[in-house]
Amino acid sequence: MPVYDYECEKCHFQFELKRRFGEDGTANCPRCRGKSRRIFTSVPVIFKGSGFYVTDHRKGGVAKSGTEKPPDKAPDSPPKKD
């Protein structure tokens, strides 16, 4: 079950509760029994290891399907007339 952070609107006490996904999001403060609201915080992203997976960033020369990409060439230009 996930743990959610709450803050009391009356006494500003912060606490955590384990709640099920389908459960109602409201809770009462354990100190004063006042109405509390859920606190939303951002989740940090931590990159570990030497880098990304091959599928995360394509290197030049390899197409998405795994086949090699043809080399870039200039379009054929008509012969110059003197």
C-alpha atoms as a PDB file:
ATOM      1  CA  MET A   1       0.000   0.000   0.000  1.00  0.00           C
ATOM      2  CA  PRO A   2       1.303   3.486  -0.770  1.00  0.00           C
ATOM      3  CA  VAL A   3       2.101   6.015   1.948  1.00  0.00           C
ATOM      4  CA  TYR A   4       0.628   9.522   1.632  1.00  0.00           C
ATOM      5  CA  ASP A   5       1.560  12.750   3.422  1.00  0.00           C
ATOM      6  CA  TYR A   6      -1.160  14.828   5.100  1.00  0.00           C
ATOM      7  CA  GLU A   7      -1.274  18.183   6.887  1.00  0.00           C
ATOM      8  CA  CYS A   8      -3.908  19.279   9.379  1.00  0.00           C
ATOM      9  CA  GLU A   9      -5.728  22.481   8.416  1.00  0.00           C
ATOM     10  CA  LYS A  10      -6.229  23.388  12.082  1.00  0.00           C
ATOM     11  CA  CYS A  11      -2.932  22.707  13.907  1.00  0.00           C
ATOM     12  CA  HIS A  12      -0.669  22.247  10.802  1.00  0.00           C
ATOM     13  CA  PHE A  13       0.614  18.875  12.066  1.00  0.00           C
ATOM     14  CA  GLN A  14       2.102  16.760   9.272  1.00  0.00           C
ATOM     15  CA  PHE A  15       1.695  12.985   9.286  1.00  0.00           C
ATOM     16  CA  GLU A  16       1.760   9.943   6.993  1.00  0.00           C
ATOM     17  CA  LEU A  17      -0.942   7.355   6.331  1.00  0.00           C
ATOM     18  CA  LYS A  18      -0.976   4.104   4.406  1.00  0.00           C
ATOM     19  CA  ARG A  19      -3.984   4.136   2.107  1.00  0.00           C
ATOM     20  CA  ARG A  20      -5.286   1.815  -0.581  1.00  0.00           C
ATOM     21  CA  PHE A  21      -5.599   3.129  -4.130  1.00  0.00           C
ATOM     22  CA  GLY A  22      -9.398   3.014  -4.149  1.00  0.00           C
ATOM     23  CA  GLU A  23      -9.742   4.460  -0.647  1.00  0.00           C
ATOM     24  CA  ASP A  24     -11.094   7.954   0.039  1.00  0.00           C
ATOM     25  CA  GLY A  25      -8.350  10.617   0.249  1.00  0.00           C
ATOM     26  CA  THR A  26      -9.699  12.428   3.309  1.00  0.00           C
ATOM     27  CA  ALA A  27      -8.271  11.875   6.810  1.00  0.00           C
ATOM     28  CA  ASN A  28      -8.551  13.318  10.319  1.00  0.00           C
ATOM     29  CA  CYS A  29      -5.574  14.664  12.255  1.00  0.00           C
ATOM     30  CA  PRO A  30      -4.318  12.214  14.916  1.00  0.00           C
ATOM     31  CA  ARG A  31      -3.624  15.123  17.338  1.00  0.00           C
ATOM     32  CA  CYS A  32      -6.696  17.363  17.216  1.00  0.00           C
ATOM     33  CA  ARG A  33      -9.093  15.294  15.034  1.00  0.00           C
ATOM     34  CA  GLY A  34      -9.340  18.254  12.659  1.00  0.00           C
ATOM     35  CA  LYS A  35      -9.768  18.036   8.904  1.00  0.00           C
ATOM     36  CA  SER A  36      -6.529  17.387   7.013  1.00  0.00           C
ATOM     37  CA  ARG A  37      -5.501  17.648   3.392  1.00  0.00           C
ATOM     38  CA  ARG A  38      -3.151  15.548   1.323  1.00  0.00           C
ATOM     39  CA  ILE A  39       0.254  17.010   0.435  1.00  0.00           C
ATOM     40  CA  PHE A  40       1.589  16.402  -3.075  1.00  0.00           C
ATOM     41  CA  THR A  41       5.356  16.441  -3.528  1.00  0.00           C
ATOM     42  CA  SER A  42       7.601  15.830  -6.507  1.00  0.00           C
ATOM     43  CA  VAL A  43       9.531  12.594  -6.775  1.00  0.00           C
ATOM     44  CA  PRO A  44      13.291  12.940  -7.291  1.00  0.00           C
ATOM     45  CA  VAL A  45      14.881  11.253 -10.296  1.00  0.00           C
ATOM     46  CA  ILE A  46      18.179   9.523  -9.578  1.00  0.00           C
ATOM     47  CA  PHE A  47      20.332   8.235 -12.426  1.00  0.00           C
ATOM     48  CA  LYS A  48      22.712   5.478 -11.394  1.00  0.00           C
ATOM     49  CA  GLY A  49      25.257   3.629 -13.476  1.00  0.00           C
ATOM     50  CA  SER A  50      27.508   4.525 -16.357  1.00  0.00           C
ATOM     51  CA  GLY A  51      24.819   5.869 -18.687  1.00  0.00           C
ATOM     52  CA  PHE A  52      21.599   5.193 -20.501  1.00  0.00           C
ATOM     53  CA  TYR A  53      20.454   2.079 -22.274  1.00  0.00           C
ATOM     54  CA  VAL A  54      21.074   1.790 -26.014  1.00  0.00           C
ATOM     55  CA  THR A  55      17.342   2.145 -26.676  1.00  0.00           C
ATOM     56  CA  ASP A  56      17.152   5.434 -24.765  1.00  0.00           C
ATOM     57  CA  HIS A  57      19.389   7.413 -27.106  1.00  0.00           C
ATOM     58  CA  ARG A  58      20.112   6.508 -30.701  1.00  0.00           C
ATOM     59  CA  LYS A  59      23.636   6.884 -31.963  1.00  0.00           C
ATOM     60  CA  GLY A  60      24.196   8.299 -35.432  1.00  0.00           C
ATOM     61  CA  GLY A  61      24.064   5.736 -38.224  1.00  0.00           C
ATOM     62  CA  VAL A  62      21.578   3.371 -36.611  1.00  0.00           C
ATOM     63  CA  ALA A  63      17.926   3.607 -37.598  1.00  0.00           C
ATOM     64  CA  LYS A  64      15.053   2.906 -35.198  1.00  0.00           C
ATOM     65  CA  SER A  65      14.522  -0.596 -36.571  1.00  0.00           C
ATOM     66  CA  GLY A  66      18.166  -1.497 -35.949  1.00  0.00           C
ATOM     67  CA  THR A  67      19.258  -1.360 -39.592  1.00  0.00           C
ATOM     68  CA  GLU A  68      21.998   0.946 -40.688  1.00  0.00           C
ATOM     69  CA  LYS A  69      21.026   4.299 -42.100  1.00  0.00           C
ATOM     70  CA  PRO A  70      22.412   5.145 -45.561  1.00  0.00           C
ATOM     71  CA  PRO A  71      25.108   7.850 -45.493  1.00  0.00           C
ATOM     72  CA  ASP A  72      23.982  11.387 -46.131  1.00  0.00           C
ATOM     73  CA  LYS A  73      24.804  12.555 -49.655  1.00  0.00           C
ATOM     74  CA  ALA A  74      24.129  15.688 -51.593  1.00  0.00           C
ATOM     75  CA  PRO A  75      21.315  15.510 -54.144  1.00  0.00           C
ATOM     76  CA  ASP A  76      22.439  14.850 -57.683  1.00  0.00           C
ATOM     77  CA  SER A  77      22.909  18.139 -59.461  1.00  0.00           C
ATOM     78  CA  PRO A  78      22.625  18.531 -63.233  1.00  0.00           C
ATOM     79  CA  PRO A  79      25.938  18.905 -65.109  1.00  0.00           C
ATOM     80  CA  LYS A  80      27.096  22.464 -65.577  1.00  0.00           C
ATOM     81  CA  LYS A  81      27.033  23.929 -69.084  1.00  0.00           C
ATOM     82  CA  ASP A  82      29.942  26.135 -70.144  1.00  0.00           C
END
